[in-house]
């Protein structure tokens, strides 16, 4: 998380002193799931499947102009991710188990991206970006349905517990985004985040995946067509 803070400071210092940065809210909705690889040893897994859950994020961003077309964006947001998964395993003739699990994970995120915008500021522009998404787990729930057979006796249990202590709290992913920014400052974009950090604290592998649509608005001097022309960074069209 501290590396993300250092990068934010660097991007702020790197921005032209005469350029005015933008700022504004952003909200997103989408779906998320996990890459799940169960351990091979000592348990023989007979099934392992995953499904998506409804997810989303809400927060704000700042938009630093680095040049005519390149911008650095950084933000702070609260996000919910998660997964639905089912798995079963066989340890011996006297012990086997099947589990249906739904995880809801709440994260505090500090995304940082390099954004390319076509056209000129103050007009409609296509936007494309790539960045990193550091995140810290602040809460969540683990809903579990467990069917276990031990020495010929079957037991069914259900639980709904906190997950903070069961997973690595720090996560980081690579984010790709593409969309359109209107001349008013309103923007909409699609995004996909591929987690690269293993969240599991045992021998299995758990990595977050999230995709969705986000919308927001960028305020700031020269950010849209409602501002005076002298406030615009790009006063001429591309040749």
Protein backbone atom coordinates (compact mmCIF):
# COMPACT_ATOMS: atom_id res chain seq x y z
CA UNK A 1 0.00 0.00 0.00
CA UNK A 2 2.87 2.38 0.75
CA UNK A 3 4.24 1.93 -2.79
CA UNK A 4 0.92 3.16 -4.19
CA UNK A 5 1.18 6.27 -1.99
CA UNK A 6 4.71 6.98 -3.27
CA UNK A 7 3.46 6.61 -6.86
CA UNK A 8 0.62 9.06 -6.21
CA UNK A 9 3.11 11.63 -4.94
CA UNK A 10 5.37 11.09 -7.96
CA UNK A 11 2.49 11.53 -10.42
CA UNK A 12 1.44 14.75 -8.68
CA UNK A 13 4.96 16.18 -8.91
CA UNK A 14 5.33 15.04 -12.52
CA UNK A 15 2.20 16.87 -13.69
CA UNK A 16 2.81 20.26 -15.40
CA UNK A 17 2.56 23.03 -12.83
CA UNK A 18 0.40 25.14 -15.16
CA UNK A 19 -2.10 22.35 -15.77
CA UNK A 20 -5.14 22.04 -13.58
CA UNK A 21 -5.99 18.54 -12.42
CA UNK A 22 -9.51 17.20 -12.42
CA UNK A 23 -11.40 15.42 -9.67
CA UNK A 24 -14.74 13.79 -9.18
CA UNK A 25 -16.86 10.84 -8.06
CA UNK A 26 -17.06 7.41 -9.68
CA UNK A 27 -19.42 4.48 -9.13
CA UNK A 28 -19.31 1.06 -10.72
CA UNK A 29 -21.35 -2.13 -10.91
CA UNK A 30 -20.28 -5.52 -12.17
CA UNK A 31 -19.47 -9.11 -11.34
CA UNK A 32 -16.56 -10.81 -9.64
CA UNK A 33 -15.25 -14.28 -9.04
CA UNK A 34 -11.99 -15.99 -8.03
CA UNK A 35 -9.44 -18.13 -9.73
CA UNK A 36 -9.51 -21.16 -7.43
CA UNK A 37 -6.95 -23.97 -7.52
CA UNK A 38 -7.44 -26.49 -4.70
CA UNK A 39 -4.41 -28.29 -3.27
CA UNK A 40 -3.54 -31.65 -4.81
CA UNK A 41 -2.01 -33.13 -1.66
CA UNK A 42 -2.92 -34.48 0.89
CA UNK A 43 -6.61 -34.25 -0.14
CA UNK A 44 -7.95 -35.64 -3.42
CA UNK A 45 -10.45 -33.06 -4.71
CA UNK A 46 -13.16 -34.64 -6.82
CA UNK A 47 -14.81 -31.36 -7.88
CA UNK A 48 -14.03 -27.64 -7.79
CA UNK A 49 -16.21 -25.07 -9.59
CA UNK A 50 -16.66 -21.31 -9.22
CA UNK A 51 -19.36 -18.78 -10.09
CA UNK A 52 -19.71 -15.00 -10.09
CA UNK A 53 -21.42 -12.71 -7.59
CA UNK A 54 -22.76 -9.17 -8.05
CA UNK A 55 -20.09 -6.61 -7.17
CA UNK A 56 -19.43 -2.91 -7.33
CA UNK A 57 -17.41 0.07 -6.17
CA UNK A 58 -17.91 3.68 -5.11
CA UNK A 59 -15.31 6.38 -4.58
CA UNK A 60 -13.51 9.27 -6.22
CA UNK A 61 -10.60 10.00 -8.51
CA UNK A 62 -8.14 12.69 -9.50
CA UNK A 63 -7.02 13.23 -13.10
CA UNK A 64 -3.49 14.60 -13.71
CA UNK A 65 -2.64 15.83 -17.23
CA UNK A 66 0.87 14.62 -18.16
CA UNK A 67 0.68 15.70 -21.80
CA UNK A 68 -1.91 16.47 -24.49
CA UNK A 69 -3.22 12.91 -24.55
CA UNK A 70 -1.76 11.12 -21.54
CA UNK A 71 -3.20 11.43 -18.04
CA UNK A 72 -2.42 9.83 -14.71
CA UNK A 73 -5.47 8.87 -12.69
CA UNK A 74 -5.51 7.86 -9.05
CA UNK A 75 -8.41 7.17 -6.80
CA UNK A 76 -9.79 5.92 -3.51
CA UNK A 77 -12.78 3.63 -3.42
CA UNK A 78 -14.73 1.06 -1.44
CA UNK A 79 -15.39 -2.14 -3.38
CA UNK A 80 -17.20 -5.41 -2.85
CA UNK A 81 -15.89 -8.54 -4.53
CA UNK A 82 -16.46 -12.23 -4.00
CA UNK A 83 -17.17 -15.66 -5.43
CA UNK A 84 -19.55 -18.60 -5.30
CA UNK A 85 -17.78 -21.93 -5.31
CA UNK A 86 -18.48 -25.59 -4.75
CA UNK A 87 -15.91 -28.27 -4.05
CA UNK A 88 -15.77 -31.79 -2.73
CA UNK A 89 -12.92 -34.05 -1.73
CA UNK A 90 -12.19 -37.61 -0.79
CA UNK A 91 -9.65 -38.43 1.91
CA UNK A 92 -10.52 -42.06 2.58
CA UNK A 93 -13.46 -44.48 2.52
CA UNK A 94 -14.40 -43.23 5.97
CA UNK A 95 -14.11 -39.49 5.28
CA UNK A 96 -15.41 -37.31 2.43
CA UNK A 97 -16.90 -33.84 2.27
CA UNK A 98 -18.72 -31.45 -0.09
CA UNK A 99 -18.89 -27.68 0.42
CA UNK A 100 -20.96 -24.86 -1.11
CA UNK A 101 -19.48 -21.47 -0.28
CA UNK A 102 -20.28 -17.82 -0.98
CA UNK A 103 -17.62 -15.22 -0.16
CA UNK A 104 -18.33 -11.48 0.04
CA UNK A 105 -15.12 -9.46 0.36
CA UNK A 106 -15.03 -5.73 1.19
CA UNK A 107 -11.95 -3.82 0.08
CA UNK A 108 -10.46 -0.36 0.44
CA UNK A 109 -8.78 0.32 -2.93
CA UNK A 110 -6.19 2.85 -4.15
CA UNK A 111 -6.08 2.38 -7.95
CA UNK A 112 -3.47 4.13 -10.10
CA UNK A 113 -3.70 4.18 -13.91
CA UNK A 114 -2.09 5.67 -17.00
CA UNK A 115 -4.88 6.92 -19.29
CA UNK A 116 -4.73 7.79 -23.00
CA UNK A 117 -7.44 10.16 -24.30
CA UNK A 118 -8.10 10.87 -27.96
CA UNK A 119 -9.07 14.28 -29.33
CA UNK A 120 -8.76 17.43 -27.24
CA UNK A 121 -9.85 18.41 -23.77
CA UNK A 122 -13.28 20.00 -23.61
CA UNK A 123 -14.65 17.74 -26.35
CA UNK A 124 -15.82 14.13 -26.47
CA UNK A 125 -12.89 11.71 -26.14
CA UNK A 126 -12.29 7.98 -26.20
CA UNK A 127 -10.29 6.80 -23.18
CA UNK A 128 -8.05 3.76 -22.73
CA UNK A 129 -6.00 2.85 -19.70
CA UNK A 130 -3.92 0.34 -17.79
CA UNK A 131 -2.95 0.43 -14.15
CA UNK A 132 -2.45 -1.23 -10.80
CA UNK A 133 -5.12 -1.70 -8.16
CA UNK A 134 -3.71 -2.13 -4.63
CA UNK A 135 -6.43 -3.11 -2.14
CA UNK A 136 -6.78 -3.92 1.54
CA UNK A 137 -9.41 -6.29 2.94
CA UNK A 138 -11.52 -4.56 5.60
CA UNK A 139 -14.32 -7.08 6.06
CA UNK A 140 -16.61 -9.62 4.51
CA UNK A 141 -18.66 -12.74 5.07
CA UNK A 142 -18.16 -16.44 4.46
CA UNK A 143 -21.47 -18.27 3.93
CA UNK A 144 -20.85 -22.01 4.08
CA UNK A 145 -22.92 -25.14 3.62
CA UNK A 146 -20.95 -28.24 4.55
CA UNK A 147 -21.95 -31.89 4.05
CA UNK A 148 -19.49 -34.27 5.71
CA UNK A 149 -19.41 -38.04 6.01
CA UNK A 150 -17.17 -39.42 8.76
CA UNK A 151 -17.07 -43.15 9.50
CA UNK A 152 -20.40 -43.63 7.79
CA UNK A 153 -22.19 -40.82 9.66
CA UNK A 154 -23.37 -37.80 7.65
CA UNK A 155 -23.40 -34.28 9.11
CA UNK A 156 -24.83 -31.12 7.54
CA UNK A 157 -23.77 -27.72 8.89
CA UNK A 158 -24.26 -24.10 7.84
CA UNK A 159 -22.33 -21.03 8.98
CA UNK A 160 -21.98 -17.32 8.26
CA UNK A 161 -18.68 -15.97 9.58
CA UNK A 162 -16.24 -13.11 9.10
CA UNK A 163 -13.42 -13.74 6.61
CA UNK A 164 -10.85 -11.11 7.62
CA UNK A 165 -8.61 -13.53 9.50
CA UNK A 166 -8.98 -16.34 6.91
CA UNK A 167 -7.42 -14.55 3.92
CA UNK A 168 -4.40 -12.40 3.21
CA UNK A 169 -5.60 -8.82 3.64
CA UNK A 170 -3.42 -7.21 0.96
CA UNK A 171 -4.36 -7.67 -2.67
CA UNK A 172 -3.14 -6.13 -5.91
CA UNK A 173 -4.39 -6.51 -9.45
CA UNK A 174 -3.80 -5.27 -12.99
CA UNK A 175 -6.66 -3.17 -14.38
CA UNK A 176 -7.61 -2.54 -18.02
CA UNK A 177 -10.21 0.10 -18.86
CA UNK A 178 -11.82 1.62 -21.96
CA UNK A 179 -14.66 4.08 -22.41
CA UNK A 180 -15.80 7.55 -23.43
CA UNK A 181 -15.57 10.97 -21.80
CA UNK A 182 -18.27 13.47 -22.81
CA UNK A 183 -17.56 17.16 -23.35
CA UNK A 184 -19.61 17.87 -20.19
CA UNK A 185 -17.10 15.96 -18.03
CA UNK A 186 -19.30 12.89 -17.62
CA UNK A 187 -17.60 9.59 -18.46
CA UNK A 188 -18.49 5.91 -18.67
CA UNK A 189 -16.07 3.04 -19.02
CA UNK A 190 -15.73 -0.72 -18.84
CA UNK A 191 -13.06 -2.20 -16.58
CA UNK A 192 -11.48 -5.54 -15.79
CA UNK A 193 -9.17 -6.25 -12.84
CA UNK A 194 -7.10 -9.42 -12.74
CA UNK A 195 -5.71 -10.15 -9.28
CA UNK A 196 -2.08 -11.24 -9.13
CA UNK A 197 -1.76 -11.80 -5.39
CA UNK A 198 -2.65 -15.18 -3.85
CA UNK A 199 -5.12 -14.51 -1.04
CA UNK A 200 -5.02 -17.98 0.46
CA UNK A 201 -3.23 -18.64 3.73
CA UNK A 202 -2.87 -22.38 3.04
CA UNK A 203 -1.93 -24.59 0.09
CA UNK A 204 -4.80 -23.65 -2.24
CA UNK A 205 -4.65 -20.67 -4.63
CA UNK A 206 -7.24 -17.84 -4.57
CA UNK A 207 -7.02 -14.79 -6.85
CA UNK A 208 -9.68 -12.12 -7.39
CA UNK A 209 -11.23 -11.31 -10.77
CA UNK A 210 -13.60 -8.37 -11.28
CA UNK A 211 -15.25 -6.74 -14.31
CA UNK A 212 -17.95 -4.16 -14.77
CA UNK A 213 -19.09 -0.71 -15.90
CA UNK A 214 -18.30 2.55 -14.11
CA UNK A 215 -19.58 6.09 -14.52
CA UNK A 216 -18.42 9.38 -13.06
CA UNK A 217 -17.90 13.09 -13.53
CA UNK A 218 -14.67 15.10 -13.70
CA UNK A 219 -14.74 18.60 -12.23
CA UNK A 220 -11.93 21.16 -12.41
CA UNK A 221 -10.86 24.19 -14.42
CA UNK A 222 -10.83 23.48 -18.13
CA UNK A 223 -12.35 20.04 -17.68
CA UNK A 224 -15.44 20.50 -19.85
CA UNK A 225 -17.19 22.69 -22.39
CA UNK A 226 -18.84 24.83 -19.72
CA UNK A 227 -15.51 26.39 -18.78
CA UNK A 228 -13.79 29.34 -20.43
CA UNK A 229 -11.56 28.57 -23.40
CA UNK A 230 -8.48 29.96 -21.66
CA UNK A 231 -8.85 27.26 -19.03
CA UNK A 232 -8.44 24.47 -21.56
CA UNK A 233 -5.15 22.65 -21.86
CA UNK A 234 -5.70 21.93 -25.57
CA UNK A 235 -6.82 25.07 -27.37
CA UNK A 236 -6.29 23.72 -30.88
CA UNK A 237 -7.48 20.63 -32.62
CA UNK A 238 -5.14 17.92 -33.83
CA UNK A 239 -3.60 18.53 -37.22
